[in-house]
Protein backbone atom coordinates (compact mmCIF):
# COMPACT_ATOMS: atom_id res chain seq x y z
CA MET A 1 -147.64 22.74 91.57
CA ARG A 2 -146.57 24.92 88.66
CA LEU A 3 -144.04 23.33 86.30
CA ASP A 4 -140.71 24.92 85.61
CA GLU A 5 -139.76 25.99 82.07
CA ASN A 6 -138.02 22.71 81.13
CA GLN A 7 -140.88 20.68 82.56
CA LYS A 8 -143.33 22.74 80.50
CA ARG A 9 -141.28 22.25 77.34
CA VAL A 10 -141.19 18.51 77.83
CA PHE A 11 -144.84 18.22 78.73
CA ASN A 12 -145.89 20.39 75.79
CA GLU A 13 -144.26 17.93 73.39
CA PHE A 14 -146.71 15.35 74.70
CA ARG A 15 -149.61 17.83 74.48
CA LEU A 16 -148.71 18.31 70.82
CA ASN A 17 -147.79 14.75 69.79
CA LYS A 18 -149.93 12.72 72.21
CA ARG A 19 -147.44 9.77 72.52
CA ALA A 20 -143.64 9.80 72.47
CA SER A 21 -140.49 8.19 73.89
CA LYS A 22 -137.97 10.08 76.02
CA ALA A 23 -135.55 9.93 73.12
CA ASP A 24 -138.19 11.54 70.77
CA VAL A 25 -138.73 14.40 73.19
CA SER A 26 -135.01 14.88 73.91
CA LEU A 27 -134.42 15.62 70.28
CA LYS A 28 -137.34 18.10 70.05
CA VAL A 29 -136.55 20.14 73.19
CA ASN A 30 -132.78 20.10 72.89
CA LEU A 31 -132.22 18.67 76.33
CA THR A 32 -130.00 15.66 77.22
CA HIS A 33 -131.57 12.26 77.50
CA PRO A 34 -130.77 12.00 81.25
CA ALA A 35 -132.42 15.42 81.83
CA VAL A 36 -135.55 14.42 79.94
CA THR A 37 -135.63 11.09 81.80
CA GLN A 38 -135.62 12.94 85.14
CA ILE A 39 -138.39 15.32 83.99
CA VAL A 40 -140.59 12.53 82.56
CA ARG A 41 -140.19 10.64 85.86
CA LYS A 42 -141.30 13.76 87.79
CA LEU A 43 -144.28 14.43 85.49
CA CYS A 44 -145.44 10.86 86.00
CA GLN A 45 -145.25 11.31 89.80
CA LEU A 46 -147.30 14.49 89.50
CA GLY A 47 -149.99 12.76 87.48
CA TYR A 48 -149.38 14.53 84.19
CA LEU A 49 -147.82 11.68 82.21
CA LYS A 50 -148.20 7.92 82.28
CA GLU A 51 -146.28 5.01 80.88
CA ASP A 52 -148.10 3.23 78.07
CA ASP A 53 -148.49 -0.58 78.18
CA GLU A 54 -147.41 -0.89 74.53
CA LYS A 55 -143.72 -0.38 73.80
CA ARG A 56 -142.18 0.65 70.46
CA LYS A 57 -139.94 -1.97 68.92
CA GLY A 58 -136.73 -0.74 67.37
CA LEU A 59 -134.20 -2.25 65.04
CA ARG A 60 -131.79 -3.03 67.88
CA GLY A 61 -131.61 -2.90 71.68
CA GLN A 62 -134.55 -2.79 74.13
CA PRO A 63 -138.00 -1.66 72.99
CA ALA A 64 -138.53 2.03 73.74
CA THR A 65 -140.96 2.96 76.55
CA ILE A 66 -143.72 5.21 75.27
CA TYR A 67 -145.36 7.81 77.45
CA SER A 68 -148.64 9.71 76.98
CA ILE A 69 -150.74 12.26 78.86
CA SER A 70 -152.30 10.87 82.05
CA ASP A 71 -156.04 11.07 82.75
CA LYS A 72 -155.48 11.40 86.48
CA ASN A 73 -155.23 15.22 86.68
CA ILE A 74 -158.24 17.32 85.59
CA PHE A 75 -159.30 20.95 85.50
CA VAL A 76 -162.77 22.23 86.29
CA GLY A 77 -164.37 25.22 84.53
CA ILE A 78 -167.33 27.14 85.88
CA HIS A 79 -169.30 29.61 83.79
CA VAL A 80 -171.57 31.97 85.73
CA GLY A 81 -173.56 33.60 82.96
CA ARG A 82 -176.42 36.04 82.74
CA SER A 83 -178.85 33.16 82.13
CA ARG A 84 -177.15 29.90 83.18
CA PHE A 85 -174.65 28.01 85.26
CA GLU A 86 -172.29 25.66 83.48
CA PHE A 87 -169.74 23.17 84.92
CA VAL A 88 -167.21 21.14 82.95
CA ALA A 89 -164.41 18.79 83.90
CA VAL A 90 -161.63 18.62 81.33
CA GLU A 91 -158.72 16.25 81.00
CA LEU A 92 -155.30 17.49 79.96
CA THR A 93 -155.98 16.22 76.42
CA GLY A 94 -159.11 18.33 76.14
CA ASN A 95 -161.40 15.31 76.61
CA ILE A 96 -164.58 16.44 78.49
CA LEU A 97 -165.26 14.02 81.38
CA LYS A 98 -168.55 15.61 82.31
CA SER A 99 -170.48 18.83 81.58
CA VAL A 100 -173.68 20.18 83.17
CA THR A 101 -175.74 23.23 82.19
CA ILE A 102 -178.31 24.74 84.59
CA PRO A 103 -180.62 27.38 83.07
CA VAL A 104 -181.69 29.98 85.65
CA GLY A 105 -183.44 32.62 83.52
CA PHE A 106 -182.01 35.97 82.35
CA LEU A 107 -180.35 37.96 85.17
CA GLN A 108 -181.89 35.89 87.94
CA GLN A 109 -179.11 36.68 90.41
CA GLU A 110 -180.87 35.45 93.56
CA LYS A 111 -181.36 32.10 91.86
CA LEU A 112 -177.69 31.96 90.88
CA LYS A 113 -176.70 32.64 94.47
CA SER A 114 -179.00 30.06 96.04
CA LEU A 115 -178.06 27.27 93.55
CA SER A 116 -174.32 27.83 93.12
CA GLN A 117 -172.73 25.74 95.90
CA LYS A 118 -175.27 22.90 95.73
CA GLU A 119 -174.89 22.52 92.01
CA LEU A 120 -171.11 22.60 92.29
CA ASP A 121 -171.11 19.97 95.10
CA ASP A 122 -173.37 17.70 93.03
CA PHE A 123 -171.08 18.12 90.00
CA LEU A 124 -167.89 17.35 91.92
CA ALA A 125 -169.51 14.31 93.51
CA SER A 126 -170.43 12.78 90.14
CA LYS A 127 -169.02 9.31 89.41
CA GLU A 128 -167.17 10.53 86.33
CA LEU A 129 -164.84 12.56 88.60
CA ASN A 130 -164.27 9.79 91.08
CA GLY A 131 -160.52 9.15 91.57
CA ARG A 132 -159.42 12.26 89.61
CA HIS A 133 -157.28 15.00 91.11
CA ILE A 134 -158.63 18.51 90.48
CA VAL A 135 -155.51 20.63 89.87
CA GLY A 136 -157.29 23.89 89.33
CA VAL A 137 -160.60 25.64 88.89
CA GLY A 138 -161.42 28.55 86.62
CA ILE A 139 -164.53 30.78 86.58
CA SER A 140 -165.69 32.73 83.58
CA THR A 141 -168.29 35.48 84.04
CA PRO A 142 -169.42 38.61 82.21
CA TYR A 143 -167.16 41.64 82.58
CA PHE A 144 -170.14 44.14 82.73
CA TRP A 145 -172.92 42.61 84.82
CA GLU A 146 -174.18 46.10 85.58
CA GLY A 147 -174.06 47.27 81.97
CA TRP A 148 -176.38 47.37 78.97
CA GLN A 149 -179.37 48.92 80.79
CA SER A 150 -180.11 50.69 77.52
CA ILE A 151 -181.20 47.44 75.82
CA LEU A 152 -182.85 45.66 78.74
CA PRO A 153 -186.55 45.78 79.51
CA PRO A 154 -187.55 47.96 82.53
CA ASN A 155 -188.18 45.00 84.85
CA ASN A 156 -184.58 43.76 84.58
CA VAL A 157 -182.94 45.74 87.34
CA ILE A 158 -179.38 44.70 87.90
CA ASP A 159 -177.73 44.58 91.35
CA GLN A 160 -174.89 47.07 91.02
CA SER A 161 -172.82 45.09 93.53
CA TRP A 162 -172.62 42.05 91.27
CA SER A 163 -168.94 41.61 90.40
CA SER A 164 -166.19 39.01 89.85
CA ASN A 165 -165.42 39.08 93.59
CA LEU A 166 -169.05 38.23 94.41
CA VAL A 167 -169.04 35.50 91.80
CA THR A 168 -165.95 33.98 93.38
CA SER A 169 -167.60 34.07 96.79
CA LEU A 170 -170.48 31.93 95.53
CA PHE A 171 -168.25 28.83 95.68
CA LYS A 172 -166.34 27.21 98.52
CA LEU A 173 -163.48 25.04 97.29
CA SER A 174 -160.91 23.09 99.27
CA GLY A 175 -157.79 21.27 98.20
CA VAL A 176 -157.53 23.12 94.89
CA ASP A 177 -154.11 24.45 93.92
CA SER A 178 -155.40 27.32 91.73
CA LEU A 179 -158.60 29.38 91.32
CA ILE A 180 -158.73 32.06 88.63
CA VAL A 181 -161.58 34.31 87.46
CA GLU A 182 -161.69 35.87 83.96
CA ASN A 183 -163.97 37.69 81.54
CA ASP A 184 -166.21 35.07 79.80
CA GLY A 185 -165.27 36.25 76.28
CA SER A 186 -161.57 36.04 76.98
CA SER A 187 -162.09 32.67 78.68
CA ALA A 188 -163.85 31.27 75.60
CA ALA A 189 -161.00 32.56 73.42
CA LEU A 190 -158.48 30.79 75.68
CA GLY A 191 -160.44 27.57 75.31
CA GLU A 192 -160.30 27.93 71.51
CA LEU A 193 -156.56 28.67 71.70
CA THR A 194 -155.94 25.59 73.86
CA PHE A 195 -158.16 22.99 72.25
CA GLY A 196 -159.29 24.45 68.89
CA THR A 197 -157.99 26.94 66.36
CA GLY A 198 -154.91 27.61 68.44
CA ALA A 199 -153.40 24.38 67.12
CA ILE A 200 -153.23 26.08 63.70
CA HIS A 201 -153.35 29.89 64.19
CA LYS A 202 -151.26 32.05 66.53
CA ASP A 203 -153.15 35.25 65.84
CA PHE A 204 -156.94 35.33 65.84
CA LEU A 205 -159.99 37.19 67.09
CA TYR A 206 -162.60 35.09 68.77
CA VAL A 207 -166.31 36.04 68.76
CA ASN A 208 -168.92 34.26 70.81
CA ILE A 209 -172.64 34.82 70.14
CA GLY A 210 -174.11 34.08 73.52
CA THR A 211 -176.85 35.65 75.60
CA LEU A 212 -175.18 38.89 74.51
CA ILE A 213 -171.94 38.80 72.46
CA GLY A 214 -168.30 38.82 73.55
CA GLY A 215 -164.88 38.06 72.32
CA GLY A 216 -161.21 37.61 72.98
CA LEU A 217 -157.96 38.48 71.21
CA VAL A 218 -155.05 36.05 70.72
CA ILE A 219 -151.75 37.44 69.44
CA ASP A 220 -148.60 35.35 69.04
CA GLY A 221 -150.27 32.41 70.73
CA THR A 222 -151.08 34.45 73.82
CA LEU A 223 -154.48 35.66 75.10
CA ARG A 224 -154.31 39.48 75.27
CA THR A 225 -156.76 40.90 77.78
CA GLY A 226 -155.37 44.46 77.91
CA PRO A 227 -154.62 46.73 80.86
CA HIS A 228 -158.26 46.76 81.97
CA GLY A 229 -159.03 43.14 81.14
CA ASN A 230 -161.50 44.27 78.46
CA SER A 231 -159.74 43.65 75.12
CA ALA A 232 -161.96 42.51 72.25
CA ALA A 233 -165.09 43.64 74.03
CA VAL A 234 -167.02 43.41 70.79
CA ALA A 235 -170.46 44.04 72.22
CA PRO A 236 -170.35 47.87 72.12
CA PHE A 237 -168.91 48.02 68.55
CA PRO A 238 -171.12 50.60 66.74
CA VAL A 239 -173.20 49.34 63.84
CA SER A 240 -176.09 50.74 61.86
CA GLN A 241 -179.75 50.45 63.09
CA SER A 242 -181.45 47.07 62.78
CA HIS A 243 -183.64 46.45 59.77
CA LEU A 244 -185.97 44.09 61.64
CA SER A 245 -189.61 45.13 61.75
CA THR A 246 -189.71 44.39 65.51
CA ALA A 247 -186.62 46.42 66.34
CA GLN A 248 -187.03 49.17 68.98
CA LYS A 249 -185.67 52.40 67.56
CA SER A 250 -183.19 54.18 69.86
CA GLY A 251 -183.12 57.53 68.12
CA HIS A 252 -179.37 57.23 67.52
CA SER A 253 -177.68 56.70 64.17
CA PHE A 254 -175.80 53.67 65.51
CA GLU A 255 -176.42 50.97 68.04
CA PRO A 256 -174.18 48.42 69.79
CA LEU A 257 -173.40 45.21 67.97
CA LEU A 258 -175.07 43.19 70.74
CA SER A 259 -178.41 44.73 69.74
CA ARG A 260 -178.23 42.84 66.48
CA ALA A 261 -175.88 39.93 67.03
CA SER A 262 -176.87 38.09 70.22
CA LEU A 263 -179.26 35.41 71.40
CA TYR A 264 -181.00 38.11 73.36
CA SER A 265 -181.82 39.95 70.14
CA LEU A 266 -183.03 36.72 68.48
CA ILE A 267 -185.31 35.84 71.35
CA GLU A 268 -186.64 39.40 71.54
CA HIS A 269 -187.43 39.32 67.81
CA ALA A 270 -189.28 36.04 68.19
CA ASP A 271 -191.14 37.18 71.29
CA ARG A 272 -192.42 40.33 69.57
CA LYS A 273 -193.72 38.06 66.78
CA GLY A 274 -195.47 35.88 69.36
CA LEU A 275 -193.14 32.91 68.81
CA LYS A 276 -191.19 30.82 71.30
CA LEU A 277 -187.79 29.43 70.26
CA ASP A 278 -185.86 26.44 71.43
CA LEU A 279 -182.32 27.51 70.62
CA THR A 280 -180.95 23.97 70.65
CA THR A 281 -183.28 22.81 67.84
CA LEU A 282 -183.15 25.74 65.47
CA ASP A 283 -181.79 23.49 62.75
CA GLU A 284 -184.84 21.20 63.01
CA ILE A 285 -187.70 23.70 62.92
CA THR A 286 -190.56 23.11 60.43
CA CYS A 287 -192.96 25.94 61.30
CA LYS A 288 -192.91 28.43 58.38
CA GLU A 289 -193.39 31.43 60.73
CA THR A 290 -190.50 30.29 62.88
CA ILE A 291 -188.26 29.66 59.90
CA LEU A 292 -189.00 33.11 58.55
CA CYS A 293 -188.28 34.70 61.98
CA LEU A 294 -184.91 32.97 62.17
CA ASP A 295 -184.07 33.85 58.57
CA GLU A 296 -184.83 37.57 59.27
CA TRP A 297 -182.60 37.56 62.33
CA VAL A 298 -179.72 35.76 60.59
CA GLU A 299 -179.83 38.33 57.85
CA ASP A 300 -179.85 41.29 60.25
CA CYS A 301 -177.22 39.72 62.50
CA SER A 302 -174.94 38.95 59.48
CA SER A 303 -175.30 42.51 58.07
CA ALA A 304 -174.12 43.91 61.44
CA LEU A 305 -171.25 41.42 61.67
CA ALA A 306 -170.05 42.46 58.22
CA GLN A 307 -169.70 46.04 59.50
CA PHE A 308 -167.81 44.70 62.48
CA LEU A 309 -165.39 42.65 60.27
CA ILE A 310 -164.52 45.69 58.23
CA GLY A 311 -163.69 47.53 61.41
CA VAL A 312 -161.54 44.64 62.72
CA TRP A 313 -159.59 44.27 59.49
CA SER A 314 -158.94 48.01 59.41
CA LEU A 315 -157.37 47.90 62.87
CA ILE A 316 -155.54 44.54 63.27
CA ASP A 317 -153.71 42.13 61.01
CA ILE A 318 -154.62 38.61 62.12
CA GLU A 319 -154.72 35.14 60.66
CA ALA A 320 -158.39 34.32 61.36
CA ILE A 321 -161.64 35.37 62.92
CA VAL A 322 -163.32 32.53 64.81
CA LEU A 323 -167.13 32.65 65.36
CA ASP A 324 -168.89 30.42 67.80
CA GLY A 325 -171.73 30.44 70.32
CA GLY A 326 -174.88 28.96 71.70
CA LEU A 327 -176.44 28.16 68.36
CA PRO A 328 -176.50 24.94 66.25
CA LYS A 329 -173.46 24.70 63.93
CA SER A 330 -175.70 24.82 60.86
CA VAL A 331 -177.06 28.18 61.96
CA LEU A 332 -173.53 29.50 62.71
CA HIS A 333 -172.39 28.34 59.30
CA ARG A 334 -175.27 30.31 57.72
CA ILE A 335 -174.26 33.42 59.67
CA ILE A 336 -170.69 33.19 58.50
CA ASN A 337 -171.71 32.71 54.85
CA ARG A 338 -174.20 35.59 54.91
CA THR A 339 -171.69 37.82 56.76
CA LEU A 340 -169.09 37.22 54.04
CA HIS A 341 -171.69 37.99 51.44
CA HIS A 342 -172.47 41.32 53.09
CA VAL A 343 -168.76 42.18 53.26
CA GLN A 344 -168.94 42.49 49.51
CA ASP A 345 -171.17 45.54 49.91
CA PHE A 346 -168.24 47.51 51.39
CA HIS A 347 -165.34 49.29 49.79
CA THR A 348 -162.43 47.15 50.91
CA GLU A 349 -159.47 48.86 49.16
CA GLY A 350 -156.48 48.87 51.50
CA ILE A 351 -157.96 46.18 53.73
CA ILE A 352 -156.39 42.76 54.13
CA THR A 353 -159.02 40.23 55.02
CA CYS A 354 -158.51 36.84 56.71
CA ASP A 355 -160.27 33.52 57.15
CA VAL A 356 -163.61 33.54 59.01
CA LYS A 357 -164.23 30.13 60.46
CA LEU A 358 -166.42 28.25 62.88
CA GLY A 359 -165.09 27.61 66.37
CA GLU A 360 -164.58 24.09 67.68
CA LEU A 361 -165.98 24.24 71.20
CA GLY A 362 -169.57 25.37 70.64
CA SER A 363 -171.84 26.31 73.55
CA LEU A 364 -169.32 24.92 76.10
CA ALA A 365 -166.56 27.37 75.04
CA GLN A 366 -166.88 29.65 78.09
CA SER A 367 -166.74 26.82 80.62
CA ILE A 368 -163.99 24.93 78.79
CA GLY A 369 -162.07 28.20 78.62
CA ALA A 370 -162.55 28.70 82.34
CA ALA A 371 -160.93 25.29 82.94
CA CYS A 372 -158.07 26.47 80.73
CA LEU A 373 -157.31 29.42 83.00
CA PRO A 374 -155.54 27.42 85.73
CA MET A 375 -154.20 25.09 83.04
CA LEU A 376 -152.43 28.00 81.39
CA SER A 377 -151.13 29.29 84.74
CA ILE A 378 -149.67 25.92 85.78
CA LEU A 379 -148.63 24.35 82.43
CA GLY A 380 -147.85 27.39 80.33
CA ARG A 381 -149.36 28.43 77.01
CA PRO A 382 -150.56 25.66 74.71
CA PRO A 383 -148.21 24.51 71.96
CA THR A 384 -149.06 25.17 68.27
CA LYS A 385 -147.77 23.76 65.03
CA HIS A 386 -145.74 26.95 64.74
CA SER A 387 -143.98 26.32 68.09
CA GLU A 388 -140.19 26.45 67.95
CA HIS A 389 -137.86 25.18 70.70
């Protein structure tokens, strides 16, 4: 059940402030106390709010009843990526009840198809979800499954029929009020808007270094996907040729950003050096050859991202650029620092820069963002500290 505008306004006060009385909320949303009382009662019935055991004592009269966000209702996010499945169950507060990642190998579509329903059924049957009501399910998936043949090895032949409709058909869901599919970069940006940077910034560009690289654009607290659903498709942004000794020369003056700033490019660089990387432990490696390999890629990736930032700042005026992805935070911090260092190599007269910061959701951003798709549809856009009623 979608909430009406007044119900959204009241509920968003609890999303922003966590705990409040009906009197507190009435003052903030400019509604009468009886109206807020009726709305709060309805939100409790629907499983969105709950009455706290502890009451607030005042100077006179009866102690005020305090309400907070209920943990009964949850949203499920599914990420169908080029190399993995991911499932996440998210409470209304952003608390993650459970998350599962299933690696399937790069572009192993038949494996994705055969495992999809079984893995989802196992996830939904987990004890952590017992007794919870799934209000909505969102699915994030790459916009261009059939694209990027130019950078893939010859044996990676992509099924041209792979699409968002096919991805949706992988899963059979019953008793769910809402099912929404979105570009994985935009989904991740929505997750950051709802449970991360969005609490502070209303205008930001989100960049996710994943198997490839993607992004999303948030303007005035709203995810902007554009008329074709492909806004902030950062992967094809043209940058200069890679400086890595292992890079395959294309014969062109420029190459897409994803060729230099993606986990695919990092793994390819390591493979050509005869090294195997565990992406989850890159901040713990001790082998000198592996450390050098990572350092080389970070430098090449950062140099390309600096070119990208100059392009972004030339086109849009935003409060922040948020970088995240499937790398340890220490490595992402290094990439940000080196990128800002390389920005100094450019002539920046007439350009207004902005903060470049680390995202808050990490490798789960795409699946958390997928869970936020039905959340946004039902509850409205997330509140920010800039919100005015």
